[in-house]
Amino acid sequence: MLASEPGRVRLAALRIFDFLSERPAVAVCAGLVLVAAIAAADYATGYEIRLAVLYLIPIGIVTWQAGWQRGSAIAVLASLTWFLSFER
């Protein structure tokens, strides 16, 4: 039973990526939500914990599923929100 669990997780992840690849707008919206969530957590933690590396997750997902132009836009947005998280 435990040996099959990683297979189920991988299958679920593949289904999510298949869903996103068929709908680039959903991938972009998911990227925006992830950037907003990471920015809120980054702002809340202040200087003690820096979460900058987490911004690579939505950038990678959007770039992979929706193209480099939209991925670049998410990267610019993530950079701006990361910079604004220092304004505390």
N, C-alpha and C. Protein backbone atom coordinates (compact mmCIF):
# COMPACT_ATOMS: atom_id res chain seq x y z
N MET A 1 0.83 -1.20 0.00
CA MET A 1 0.00 0.00 0.00
C MET A 1 0.87 1.25 0.00
N LEU A 2 1.90 1.29 0.82
CA LEU A 2 2.73 2.48 0.88
C LEU A 2 3.55 2.66 -0.38
N ALA A 3 3.91 1.57 -1.03
CA ALA A 3 4.70 1.68 -2.26
C ALA A 3 3.90 2.32 -3.38
N SER A 4 2.58 2.20 -3.35
CA SER A 4 1.76 2.78 -4.42
C SER A 4 1.48 4.26 -4.21
N GLU A 5 1.68 4.77 -3.02
CA GLU A 5 1.39 6.18 -2.74
C GLU A 5 2.20 7.15 -3.60
N PRO A 6 3.52 6.98 -3.77
CA PRO A 6 4.25 7.91 -4.64
C PRO A 6 3.72 7.89 -6.07
N GLY A 7 3.28 6.75 -6.53
CA GLY A 7 2.69 6.65 -7.85
C GLY A 7 1.41 7.45 -7.97
N ARG A 8 0.61 7.43 -6.93
CA ARG A 8 -0.64 8.19 -6.93
C ARG A 8 -0.36 9.69 -6.92
N VAL A 9 0.62 10.10 -6.15
CA VAL A 9 0.98 11.52 -6.09
C VAL A 9 1.50 11.98 -7.45
N ARG A 10 2.34 11.16 -8.06
CA ARG A 10 2.87 11.51 -9.38
C ARG A 10 1.75 11.59 -10.41
N LEU A 11 0.82 10.65 -10.35
CA LEU A 11 -0.30 10.66 -11.28
C LEU A 11 -1.16 11.90 -11.10
N ALA A 12 -1.39 12.29 -9.85
CA ALA A 12 -2.17 13.51 -9.57
C ALA A 12 -1.45 14.74 -10.11
N ALA A 13 -0.14 14.81 -9.92
CA ALA A 13 0.63 15.95 -10.42
C ALA A 13 0.58 16.00 -11.95
N LEU A 14 0.67 14.86 -12.60
CA LEU A 14 0.60 14.84 -14.06
C LEU A 14 -0.77 15.27 -14.56
N ARG A 15 -1.82 14.89 -13.84
CA ARG A 15 -3.17 15.32 -14.23
C ARG A 15 -3.31 16.84 -14.10
N ILE A 16 -2.75 17.40 -13.05
CA ILE A 16 -2.81 18.85 -12.87
C ILE A 16 -2.08 19.56 -14.00
N PHE A 17 -0.88 19.08 -14.34
CA PHE A 17 -0.12 19.71 -15.41
C PHE A 17 -0.80 19.53 -16.77
N ASP A 18 -1.44 18.39 -17.00
CA ASP A 18 -2.21 18.21 -18.24
C ASP A 18 -3.36 19.20 -18.30
N PHE A 19 -4.05 19.39 -17.17
CA PHE A 19 -5.15 20.34 -17.11
C PHE A 19 -4.67 21.75 -17.41
N LEU A 20 -3.53 22.14 -16.82
CA LEU A 20 -3.00 23.48 -17.03
C LEU A 20 -2.49 23.68 -18.45
N SER A 21 -1.92 22.64 -19.04
CA SER A 21 -1.38 22.80 -20.39
C SER A 21 -2.49 22.99 -21.42
N GLU A 22 -3.67 22.47 -21.13
CA GLU A 22 -4.81 22.66 -22.03
C GLU A 22 -5.45 24.03 -21.85
N ARG A 23 -5.19 24.68 -20.74
CA ARG A 23 -5.82 25.96 -20.42
C ARG A 23 -4.76 26.93 -19.90
N PRO A 24 -4.06 27.64 -20.80
CA PRO A 24 -3.00 28.55 -20.36
C PRO A 24 -3.52 29.67 -19.46
N ALA A 25 -4.76 30.10 -19.65
CA ALA A 25 -5.31 31.17 -18.81
C ALA A 25 -5.42 30.71 -17.36
N VAL A 26 -5.75 29.45 -17.16
CA VAL A 26 -5.83 28.91 -15.79
C VAL A 26 -4.44 28.87 -15.17
N ALA A 27 -3.44 28.52 -15.98
CA ALA A 27 -2.06 28.50 -15.48
C ALA A 27 -1.62 29.89 -15.05
N VAL A 28 -1.97 30.90 -15.84
CA VAL A 28 -1.61 32.27 -15.50
C VAL A 28 -2.33 32.71 -14.22
N CYS A 29 -3.61 32.39 -14.11
CA CYS A 29 -4.35 32.74 -12.89
C CYS A 29 -3.78 32.03 -11.67
N ALA A 30 -3.42 30.76 -11.84
CA ALA A 30 -2.80 30.03 -10.73
C ALA A 30 -1.46 30.66 -10.36
N GLY A 31 -0.70 31.10 -11.36
CA GLY A 31 0.56 31.78 -11.09
C GLY A 31 0.37 33.08 -10.34
N LEU A 32 -0.64 33.83 -10.72
CA LEU A 32 -0.93 35.09 -10.03
C LEU A 32 -1.32 34.84 -8.57
N VAL A 33 -2.13 33.83 -8.35
CA VAL A 33 -2.55 33.50 -6.98
C VAL A 33 -1.34 33.06 -6.16
N LEU A 34 -0.47 32.24 -6.76
CA LEU A 34 0.73 31.79 -6.04
C LEU A 34 1.66 32.96 -5.72
N VAL A 35 1.84 33.87 -6.66
CA VAL A 35 2.69 35.04 -6.40
C VAL A 35 2.10 35.87 -5.27
N ALA A 36 0.79 36.07 -5.29
CA ALA A 36 0.14 36.85 -4.22
C ALA A 36 0.29 36.16 -2.87
N ALA A 37 0.13 34.85 -2.84
CA ALA A 37 0.25 34.12 -1.57
C ALA A 37 1.68 34.16 -1.05
N ILE A 38 2.65 33.99 -1.93
CA ILE A 38 4.05 34.04 -1.51
C ILE A 38 4.41 35.45 -1.06
N ALA A 39 3.90 36.46 -1.76
CA ALA A 39 4.18 37.85 -1.37
C ALA A 39 3.59 38.16 0.00
N ALA A 40 2.39 37.67 0.26
CA ALA A 40 1.78 37.91 1.58
C ALA A 40 2.58 37.23 2.68
N ALA A 41 3.00 35.99 2.41
CA ALA A 41 3.81 35.28 3.41
C ALA A 41 5.17 35.94 3.59
N ASP A 42 5.75 36.41 2.49
CA ASP A 42 7.05 37.08 2.55
C ASP A 42 6.95 38.38 3.34
N TYR A 43 5.89 39.12 3.12
CA TYR A 43 5.68 40.37 3.85
C TYR A 43 5.44 40.10 5.34
N ALA A 44 4.67 39.05 5.62
CA ALA A 44 4.34 38.74 7.03
C ALA A 44 5.56 38.28 7.81
N THR A 45 6.47 37.57 7.17
CA THR A 45 7.64 37.07 7.89
C THR A 45 8.71 38.12 8.09
N GLY A 46 8.67 39.18 7.31
CA GLY A 46 9.67 40.24 7.46
C GLY A 46 11.05 39.78 7.04
N TYR A 47 12.06 40.28 7.73
CA TYR A 47 13.44 39.98 7.36
C TYR A 47 13.94 38.65 7.96
N GLU A 48 13.18 38.09 8.88
CA GLU A 48 13.65 36.88 9.53
C GLU A 48 13.74 35.70 8.57
N ILE A 49 12.73 35.55 7.74
CA ILE A 49 12.69 34.43 6.78
C ILE A 49 12.45 35.02 5.40
N ARG A 50 13.38 34.80 4.51
CA ARG A 50 13.23 35.29 3.14
C ARG A 50 12.70 34.16 2.26
N LEU A 51 11.67 34.44 1.53
CA LEU A 51 11.01 33.42 0.71
C LEU A 51 11.21 33.65 -0.78
N ALA A 52 12.25 34.35 -1.15
CA ALA A 52 12.46 34.73 -2.55
C ALA A 52 12.54 33.52 -3.48
N VAL A 53 13.12 32.44 -3.03
CA VAL A 53 13.28 31.27 -3.90
C VAL A 53 11.92 30.66 -4.27
N LEU A 54 10.91 30.86 -3.44
CA LEU A 54 9.59 30.31 -3.73
C LEU A 54 8.92 30.96 -4.94
N TYR A 55 9.34 32.18 -5.27
CA TYR A 55 8.78 32.84 -6.45
C TYR A 55 9.10 32.09 -7.73
N LEU A 56 10.11 31.23 -7.71
CA LEU A 56 10.45 30.46 -8.91
C LEU A 56 9.39 29.43 -9.26
N ILE A 57 8.60 29.00 -8.30
CA ILE A 57 7.57 28.00 -8.56
C ILE A 57 6.51 28.53 -9.51
N PRO A 58 5.84 29.66 -9.23
CA PRO A 58 4.84 30.14 -10.20
C PRO A 58 5.46 30.58 -11.52
N ILE A 59 6.68 31.11 -11.48
CA ILE A 59 7.35 31.50 -12.73
C ILE A 59 7.56 30.27 -13.60
N GLY A 60 8.05 29.21 -13.00
CA GLY A 60 8.28 27.98 -13.75
C GLY A 60 7.01 27.36 -14.29
N ILE A 61 5.97 27.31 -13.47
CA ILE A 61 4.71 26.72 -13.90
C ILE A 61 4.11 27.50 -15.06
N VAL A 62 4.06 28.81 -14.94
CA VAL A 62 3.45 29.63 -16.00
C VAL A 62 4.29 29.57 -17.27
N THR A 63 5.60 29.64 -17.15
CA THR A 63 6.46 29.58 -18.33
C THR A 63 6.30 28.24 -19.04
N TRP A 64 6.25 27.17 -18.28
CA TRP A 64 6.15 25.84 -18.85
C TRP A 64 4.80 25.62 -19.51
N GLN A 65 3.73 26.09 -18.88
CA GLN A 65 2.39 25.78 -19.36
C GLN A 65 1.80 26.85 -20.28
N ALA A 66 2.25 28.10 -20.18
CA ALA A 66 1.61 29.17 -20.95
C ALA A 66 2.57 29.93 -21.85
N GLY A 67 3.85 29.60 -21.85
CA GLY A 67 4.79 30.26 -22.75
C GLY A 67 5.70 31.25 -22.06
N TRP A 68 6.78 31.58 -22.77
CA TRP A 68 7.80 32.44 -22.17
C TRP A 68 7.33 33.88 -21.99
N GLN A 69 6.43 34.36 -22.85
CA GLN A 69 5.96 35.75 -22.70
C GLN A 69 5.18 35.92 -21.39
N ARG A 70 4.26 35.01 -21.14
CA ARG A 70 3.48 35.09 -19.91
C ARG A 70 4.35 34.78 -18.69
N GLY A 71 5.29 33.86 -18.86
CA GLY A 71 6.22 33.56 -17.77
C GLY A 71 7.08 34.77 -17.43
N SER A 72 7.48 35.52 -18.45
CA SER A 72 8.26 36.74 -18.21
C SER A 72 7.43 37.78 -17.47
N ALA A 73 6.16 37.88 -17.81
CA ALA A 73 5.29 38.82 -17.11
C ALA A 73 5.14 38.44 -15.64
N ILE A 74 4.99 37.15 -15.37
CA ILE A 74 4.90 36.69 -13.98
C ILE A 74 6.23 36.95 -13.26
N ALA A 75 7.35 36.79 -13.96
CA ALA A 75 8.65 37.05 -13.35
C ALA A 75 8.80 38.52 -12.97
N VAL A 76 8.34 39.41 -13.83
CA VAL A 76 8.39 40.85 -13.51
C VAL A 76 7.49 41.15 -12.32
N LEU A 77 6.29 40.57 -12.31
CA LEU A 77 5.38 40.78 -11.19
C LEU A 77 5.96 40.23 -9.89
N ALA A 78 6.56 39.06 -9.96
CA ALA A 78 7.17 38.46 -8.77
C ALA A 78 8.32 39.33 -8.27
N SER A 79 9.10 39.88 -9.19
CA SER A 79 10.21 40.75 -8.79
C SER A 79 9.71 42.00 -8.09
N LEU A 80 8.65 42.58 -8.62
CA LEU A 80 8.08 43.78 -8.00
C LEU A 80 7.52 43.49 -6.62
N THR A 81 6.80 42.37 -6.49
CA THR A 81 6.23 42.06 -5.18
C THR A 81 7.32 41.71 -4.18
N TRP A 82 8.38 41.05 -4.65
CA TRP A 82 9.51 40.75 -3.75
C TRP A 82 10.16 42.05 -3.28
N PHE A 83 10.34 43.00 -4.21
CA PHE A 83 10.94 44.28 -3.85
C PHE A 83 10.03 45.04 -2.87
N LEU A 84 8.74 45.01 -3.09
CA LEU A 84 7.82 45.72 -2.21
C LEU A 84 7.72 45.08 -0.84
N SER A 85 8.08 43.81 -0.73
CA SER A 85 8.02 43.16 0.59
C SER A 85 9.08 43.72 1.54
N PHE A 86 10.07 44.42 1.01
CA PHE A 86 11.09 45.06 1.86
C PHE A 86 10.58 46.37 2.46
N GLU A 87 9.51 46.91 1.95
CA GLU A 87 8.98 48.20 2.41
C GLU A 87 8.18 48.04 3.69
N ARG A 88 8.81 47.55 4.69
CA ARG A 88 8.10 47.32 5.95
C ARG A 88 8.64 48.18 7.04
